[in-house]
Amino acid sequence: MSSGRKQKGRQINGILLLDKPQGMSSNACLQQAKHLFQVSKAGHTGALDPLATGVLPLCFGEATKVSQYLLEADKRYLTRVRLGERTDTADAEGSVISTRPAGAITRDMVLNALSQFRGEILQCPPMYSALKHKGQPLYKLARAGLEVERKLRQVTVHELILHDFENTPEGTELSLEIRCSKGTYVRTIADDLGEALGCGGHVRELRRLQAGVFRIEDCITPAALQASFAEGGLDAIDALLRPADQAIDHLPRVSLSSELALFVRQGQAVMVRPAPASELVRLYDNDEFIGIGSMLDDGRVAPRRLMREQAR
C-alpha cells in the first residue's frame, strides 16, 4: 500500500502565454487555465491588477521551477494616464480623492517632469497592493480604511517614453511606454507624475506588452484558448505550451554529456570548459533541458534547480 498521495490532474510541463483580459484577476485566469488543462500543478509569474491586460505567463508542472526568473525579469507596459484626478488606488478602479485643473499642462511640462522617473528611483508602494504588513495584504488594510507606513523601494525604469498627449475639454490624458525592473508600480509612477505636475493623476488603462522574453504578440486570450479546446481538445491546447527553458533564454547554454549530466542530477558539480562568464546557466543533457546551474569560481557548474528526469 502506497503511503504517498497521488496527485490529481495531468502531469504536463510548459508555459502558457496568456493575454489577460480586463476585469479578471490573475488568479482567476490561472484557475481557469488550470481547470481547462486539467493539470495538477500551476502558477503565474507576477500578478496583474484586474484593470490591467496583457502578458501573463502561466507555468505548468516542472515549468514552475523557472517562474521566479520570470518574476525577476524586466517588464514593458503601455499605460494611459488621466491628469487632474487623483484616486485612492492610483487607477480608475478607485475613488477620486482630489480634483485639480490640468488644462494648463503642456506636453513640454510632461516631458520635463518625466525625467525624474527614469533610472534608479524610489517608490512608495501603494496601499492597494498585495504586499504584506505583519502578514496582512496591504489592500485588505486599505479596504478597512487603514493606512500603514511603507518602506520606500528602489526600482529601475530603463525606458519611459511619452507617446500621446491630449488636452481636450473631456480631460488631459497621456500615453506612456515603460520598461522597468521587477517590483515597479506603474500606478505609483502615474500618481507621482501627477503630483510633480501639481494636478494629480491616475492610470486609466494598463497593458503589459512584455515579460522577460515573452511578448504580447505571442499570447492567447482566454476566449481563444477556450475556442481552441472546444475545437481540438487537450491536444490542441497542449500544442500552445512553450518549453520551460524559453523563459531563461538569456542565460548561457551549457550542454553536458550524459555521463556528466548524471553526476549533476545526483547533486554533484562538474567541470565545464570553456566556463561561461555568468553566475547562472541553462543545463542540457545533450539537447534535453535538465535545469539551471550555478557556475563556481573553479570552472565547475553545480545544480541550482533541476527538472525531474521524467519531465518532458
Protein backbone atom coordinates (compact mmCIF):
# COMPACT_ATOMS: atom_id res chain seq x y z
CA MET A 1 0.00 0.00 0.00
CA SER A 2 1.47 3.34 -1.03
CA SER A 3 1.87 5.98 1.68
CA GLY A 4 2.20 8.84 -0.80
CA ARG A 5 -0.75 10.81 -2.04
CA LYS A 6 -1.47 10.58 -5.72
CA GLN A 7 -1.57 13.99 -7.36
CA LYS A 8 -4.79 14.85 -9.14
CA GLY A 9 -4.59 16.04 -12.69
CA ARG A 10 -2.29 15.57 -15.67
CA GLN A 11 1.47 15.79 -15.29
CA ILE A 12 2.27 18.22 -18.11
CA ASN A 13 5.08 20.76 -18.28
CA GLY A 14 5.27 24.05 -20.11
CA ILE A 15 4.43 27.75 -20.18
CA LEU A 16 1.16 29.18 -21.44
CA LEU A 17 1.36 32.80 -22.60
CA LEU A 18 -1.98 34.32 -21.74
CA ASP A 19 -3.28 37.74 -22.78
CA LYS A 20 -5.12 38.63 -19.59
CA PRO A 21 -8.42 40.45 -20.17
CA GLN A 22 -9.54 43.50 -18.22
CA GLY A 23 -11.67 42.89 -15.15
CA MET A 24 -10.35 39.40 -14.48
CA SER A 25 -7.86 38.71 -11.70
CA SER A 26 -4.58 36.96 -12.45
CA ASN A 27 -5.54 34.15 -10.08
CA ALA A 28 -8.89 33.68 -11.82
CA CYS A 29 -7.02 33.37 -15.13
CA LEU A 30 -4.70 30.80 -13.57
CA GLN A 31 -7.51 28.73 -12.09
CA GLN A 32 -9.48 28.78 -15.33
CA ALA A 33 -6.47 27.60 -17.35
CA LYS A 34 -5.53 25.02 -14.73
CA HIS A 35 -9.03 23.55 -14.94
CA LEU A 36 -9.02 23.58 -18.74
CA PHE A 37 -5.63 21.85 -18.99
CA GLN A 38 -6.52 19.51 -16.10
CA VAL A 39 -3.07 19.99 -14.58
CA SER A 40 -2.02 19.16 -11.04
CA LYS A 41 0.48 21.98 -10.60
CA ALA A 42 0.38 25.54 -11.93
CA GLY A 43 1.41 29.08 -11.03
CA HIS A 44 1.54 32.55 -12.53
CA THR A 45 4.63 34.72 -12.73
CA GLY A 46 3.63 38.07 -11.29
CA ALA A 47 0.06 39.26 -10.88
CA LEU A 48 -1.56 41.96 -12.97
CA ASP A 49 -4.22 44.19 -11.44
CA PRO A 50 -7.80 43.39 -12.58
CA LEU A 51 -7.79 46.68 -14.53
CA ALA A 52 -4.66 45.63 -16.44
CA THR A 53 -4.42 43.46 -19.54
CA GLY A 54 -1.62 41.73 -21.38
CA VAL A 55 1.21 39.26 -20.96
CA LEU A 56 0.62 36.80 -18.13
CA PRO A 57 2.84 33.70 -18.37
CA LEU A 58 1.37 30.66 -16.61
CA CYS A 59 3.73 27.84 -15.66
CA PHE A 60 2.56 24.22 -15.52
CA GLY A 61 4.28 21.28 -13.87
CA GLU A 62 8.08 21.39 -13.88
CA ALA A 63 8.00 24.78 -15.61
CA THR A 64 7.04 26.30 -12.25
CA LYS A 65 10.72 25.89 -11.37
CA VAL A 66 11.60 28.75 -13.72
CA SER A 67 8.74 31.02 -12.60
CA GLN A 68 10.94 33.01 -10.21
CA TYR A 69 13.17 34.03 -13.11
CA LEU A 70 10.14 35.42 -14.93
CA LEU A 71 9.12 37.22 -11.74
CA GLU A 72 12.54 38.85 -11.62
CA ALA A 73 12.61 39.74 -15.33
CA ASP A 74 12.09 43.24 -16.72
CA LYS A 75 8.58 44.15 -17.86
CA ARG A 76 7.27 46.51 -20.55
CA TYR A 77 3.95 48.36 -20.25
CA LEU A 78 1.77 50.75 -22.20
CA THR A 79 -0.37 52.92 -19.95
CA ARG A 80 -2.87 55.74 -20.34
CA VAL A 81 -2.81 58.34 -17.57
CA ARG A 82 -5.57 60.83 -16.77
CA LEU A 83 -4.30 64.08 -15.30
CA GLY A 84 -6.39 66.27 -12.99
CA GLU A 85 -7.81 63.46 -10.86
CA ARG A 86 -6.12 61.55 -8.07
CA THR A 87 -7.67 58.28 -6.81
CA ASP A 88 -7.11 56.24 -3.65
CA THR A 89 -5.88 53.26 -5.71
CA ALA A 90 -3.91 55.39 -8.25
CA ASP A 91 -6.03 53.85 -11.03
CA ALA A 92 -9.52 54.11 -12.47
CA GLU A 93 -10.90 51.42 -10.13
CA GLY A 94 -10.50 53.67 -7.11
CA SER A 95 -12.47 56.60 -5.72
CA VAL A 96 -11.45 60.12 -6.69
CA ILE A 97 -9.84 61.81 -3.67
CA SER A 98 -8.85 65.13 -5.27
CA THR A 99 -9.59 67.10 -8.43
CA ARG A 100 -7.35 69.87 -9.72
CA PRO A 101 -7.31 71.67 -13.06
CA ALA A 102 -4.94 70.20 -15.64
CA GLY A 103 -5.88 72.29 -18.67
CA ALA A 104 -2.73 74.39 -18.40
CA ILE A 105 -0.44 71.36 -18.51
CA THR A 106 1.60 71.20 -21.71
CA ARG A 107 3.46 68.41 -23.46
CA ASP A 108 6.78 70.09 -22.63
CA MET A 109 5.85 70.22 -18.95
CA VAL A 110 5.13 66.48 -19.00
CA LEU A 111 8.39 65.73 -20.82
CA ASN A 112 10.31 67.75 -18.27
CA ALA A 113 8.59 66.05 -15.31
CA LEU A 114 9.18 62.56 -16.72
CA SER A 115 12.97 62.98 -16.46
CA GLN A 116 12.84 62.44 -12.68
CA PHE A 117 11.24 58.99 -13.14
CA ARG A 118 13.98 57.42 -15.27
CA GLY A 119 16.86 55.31 -13.99
CA GLU A 120 17.01 54.16 -10.37
CA ILE A 121 14.14 55.71 -8.45
CA LEU A 122 12.49 55.25 -5.06
CA GLN A 123 8.81 54.33 -4.87
CA CYS A 124 6.38 54.10 -2.00
CA PRO A 125 4.24 51.01 -2.71
CA PRO A 126 0.51 51.79 -2.89
CA MET A 127 -1.77 50.73 -0.07
CA TYR A 128 -3.89 48.91 -2.63
CA SER A 129 -1.25 46.26 -3.36
CA ALA A 130 -0.57 42.63 -2.48
CA LEU A 131 2.46 43.48 -0.35
CA LYS A 132 2.04 42.38 3.24
CA HIS A 133 2.25 44.22 6.56
CA LYS A 134 2.52 41.91 9.57
CA GLY A 135 1.09 39.07 7.50
CA GLN A 136 -1.86 41.05 6.13
CA PRO A 137 -2.06 42.16 2.47
CA LEU A 138 -1.99 45.94 2.25
CA TYR A 139 -5.14 46.02 0.11
CA LYS A 140 -7.14 44.37 2.90
CA LEU A 141 -5.98 47.03 5.36
CA ALA A 142 -6.79 49.74 2.83
CA ARG A 143 -10.31 48.36 2.34
CA ALA A 144 -10.74 48.55 6.11
CA GLY A 145 -9.84 52.24 5.99
CA LEU A 146 -6.36 51.76 7.44
CA GLU A 147 -3.09 53.18 6.17
CA VAL A 148 0.30 51.98 7.39
CA GLU A 149 3.80 53.25 6.77
CA ARG A 150 5.51 51.56 3.81
CA LYS A 151 9.22 51.41 3.18
CA LEU A 152 10.49 53.09 0.04
CA ARG A 153 11.68 50.59 -2.55
CA GLN A 154 14.33 51.15 -5.19
CA VAL A 155 13.31 50.16 -8.71
CA THR A 156 14.78 50.85 -12.14
CA VAL A 157 12.95 52.48 -15.02
CA HIS A 158 15.01 51.65 -18.11
CA GLU A 159 12.75 53.48 -20.57
CA LEU A 160 9.95 55.99 -20.14
CA ILE A 161 8.54 57.27 -23.42
CA LEU A 162 5.72 59.76 -23.93
CA HIS A 163 3.69 58.65 -26.96
CA ASP A 164 0.49 60.72 -26.92
CA PHE A 165 -0.59 63.90 -25.17
CA GLU A 166 -4.17 65.14 -25.42
CA ASN A 167 -5.55 68.25 -23.76
CA THR A 168 -9.28 68.27 -24.53
CA PRO A 169 -12.45 69.54 -22.79
CA GLU A 170 -13.05 65.95 -21.63
CA GLY A 171 -9.73 65.85 -19.82
CA THR A 172 -5.98 65.77 -20.14
CA GLU A 173 -4.56 62.33 -20.93
CA LEU A 174 -1.22 60.95 -21.95
CA SER A 175 0.11 57.60 -23.12
CA LEU A 176 3.38 56.24 -21.72
CA GLU A 177 5.52 53.25 -22.62
CA ILE A 178 7.56 51.97 -19.69
CA ARG A 179 10.28 49.32 -19.49
CA CYS A 180 11.11 48.67 -15.86
CA SER A 181 12.54 46.26 -13.31
CA LYS A 182 10.53 43.89 -11.15
CA GLY A 183 8.55 45.48 -8.36
CA THR A 184 7.85 48.71 -10.25
CA TYR A 185 4.34 50.07 -9.78
CA VAL A 186 3.14 51.88 -12.89
CA ARG A 187 0.25 53.23 -10.82
CA THR A 188 2.76 54.89 -8.49
CA ILE A 189 4.58 56.47 -11.43
CA ALA A 190 1.26 57.92 -12.63
CA ASP A 191 0.38 59.18 -9.16
CA ASP A 192 3.84 60.67 -8.54
CA LEU A 193 3.87 62.27 -12.00
CA GLY A 194 0.52 63.88 -11.30
CA GLU A 195 1.84 65.31 -8.04
CA ALA A 196 5.01 66.56 -9.75
CA LEU A 197 2.79 68.41 -12.24
CA GLY A 198 0.64 69.79 -9.42
CA CYS A 199 -2.62 68.40 -10.76
CA GLY A 200 -2.78 64.76 -9.68
CA GLY A 201 -3.14 61.77 -11.95
CA HIS A 202 -4.11 58.12 -12.17
CA VAL A 203 -3.88 55.14 -14.51
CA ARG A 204 -6.89 54.71 -16.78
CA GLU A 205 -5.55 51.81 -18.82
CA LEU A 206 -2.58 49.48 -18.37
CA ARG A 207 -1.34 46.82 -20.78
CA ARG A 208 1.70 44.63 -20.22
CA LEU A 209 3.47 44.29 -23.55
CA GLN A 210 6.36 42.08 -22.44
CA ALA A 211 7.55 39.96 -19.51
CA GLY A 212 11.14 38.81 -19.89
CA VAL A 213 11.48 37.34 -23.40
CA PHE A 214 7.72 36.87 -23.86
CA ARG A 215 5.80 39.45 -25.90
CA ILE A 216 2.13 40.25 -26.29
CA GLU A 217 2.24 39.03 -29.91
CA ASP A 218 2.91 35.52 -28.58
CA CYS A 219 -0.10 35.43 -26.25
CA ILE A 220 -3.57 33.95 -26.49
CA THR A 221 -6.73 35.28 -24.86
CA PRO A 222 -8.78 33.05 -22.53
CA ALA A 223 -11.64 33.16 -25.07
CA ALA A 224 -9.37 31.97 -27.89
CA LEU A 225 -7.97 29.30 -25.58
CA GLN A 226 -11.47 28.03 -24.83
CA ALA A 227 -12.28 28.03 -28.55
CA SER A 228 -9.11 26.04 -29.30
CA PHE A 229 -10.06 23.47 -26.66
CA ALA A 230 -13.62 23.23 -27.97
CA GLU A 231 -12.31 22.54 -31.46
CA GLY A 232 -9.33 20.28 -30.81
CA GLY A 233 -9.43 19.19 -27.16
CA LEU A 234 -6.38 18.78 -24.94
CA ASP A 235 -4.05 18.08 -27.86
CA ALA A 236 -4.84 21.47 -29.37
CA ILE A 237 -4.15 23.48 -26.24
CA ASP A 238 -1.13 21.37 -25.23
CA ALA A 239 0.41 22.43 -28.54
CA LEU A 240 0.28 26.04 -27.32
CA LEU A 241 2.67 25.41 -24.41
CA ARG A 242 6.20 26.76 -24.58
CA PRO A 243 9.13 24.78 -23.17
CA ALA A 244 10.34 25.92 -19.76
CA ASP A 245 13.82 26.87 -20.96
CA GLN A 246 12.40 29.63 -23.19
CA ALA A 247 11.81 31.67 -20.04
CA ILE A 248 15.55 31.74 -19.31
CA ASP A 249 16.78 32.06 -22.87
CA HIS A 250 19.01 34.95 -21.75
CA LEU A 251 21.19 32.57 -19.70
CA PRO A 252 24.20 30.89 -21.36
CA ARG A 253 23.61 27.31 -22.52
CA VAL A 254 25.82 24.52 -21.17
CA SER A 255 25.50 21.13 -22.87
CA LEU A 256 26.73 18.16 -20.84
CA SER A 257 27.45 14.63 -21.85
CA SER A 258 25.03 12.06 -20.48
CA GLU A 259 27.70 10.96 -18.01
CA LEU A 260 28.26 14.46 -16.63
CA ALA A 261 24.52 15.14 -16.63
CA LEU A 262 24.04 12.08 -14.44
CA PHE A 263 26.51 13.47 -11.88
CA VAL A 264 24.67 16.82 -11.91
CA ARG A 265 21.33 15.06 -11.38
CA GLN A 266 22.90 13.40 -8.34
CA GLY A 267 23.74 16.83 -6.92
CA GLN A 268 27.40 16.96 -7.88
CA ALA A 269 29.31 19.82 -9.51
CA VAL A 270 31.14 19.02 -12.75
CA MET A 271 33.88 20.78 -14.73
CA VAL A 272 32.81 22.82 -17.76
CA ARG A 273 35.18 24.05 -20.46
CA PRO A 274 35.04 26.76 -21.55
CA ALA A 275 33.35 28.10 -18.42
CA PRO A 276 30.69 30.76 -19.18
CA ALA A 277 31.19 34.15 -17.54
CA SER A 278 27.80 34.01 -15.88
CA GLU A 279 26.53 33.17 -12.42
CA LEU A 280 23.62 31.11 -13.76
CA VAL A 281 23.40 28.85 -16.83
CA ARG A 282 20.89 26.61 -18.62
CA LEU A 283 21.90 22.95 -18.34
CA TYR A 284 21.25 20.33 -21.02
CA ASP A 285 21.81 16.60 -21.22
CA ASN A 286 22.83 16.77 -24.87
CA ASP A 287 19.67 18.54 -26.18
CA GLU A 288 17.35 17.85 -23.24
CA PHE A 289 16.88 20.76 -20.82
CA ILE A 290 17.57 19.48 -17.31
CA GLY A 291 17.60 22.65 -15.23
CA ILE A 292 19.52 25.67 -14.01
CA GLY A 293 23.11 25.55 -12.80
CA SER A 294 25.42 27.87 -10.83
CA MET A 295 28.95 28.49 -12.07
CA LEU A 296 31.63 28.10 -9.40
CA ASP A 297 34.90 30.02 -9.24
CA ASP A 298 36.93 26.96 -10.24
CA GLY A 299 35.07 26.46 -13.52
CA ARG A 300 32.67 23.78 -12.29
CA VAL A 301 28.91 24.03 -12.59
CA ALA A 302 26.67 22.99 -9.68
CA PRO A 303 22.96 22.18 -9.90
CA ARG A 304 20.72 25.04 -8.76
CA ARG A 305 17.22 23.96 -9.85
CA LEU A 306 16.72 20.70 -11.70
CA MET A 307 13.81 19.34 -13.69
CA ARG A 308 12.52 15.91 -12.75
CA GLU A 309 14.10 13.30 -15.03
CA GLN A 310 10.70 12.03 -16.17
CA ALA A 311 9.59 15.51 -17.17
CA ARG A 312 9.32 16.27 -20.84
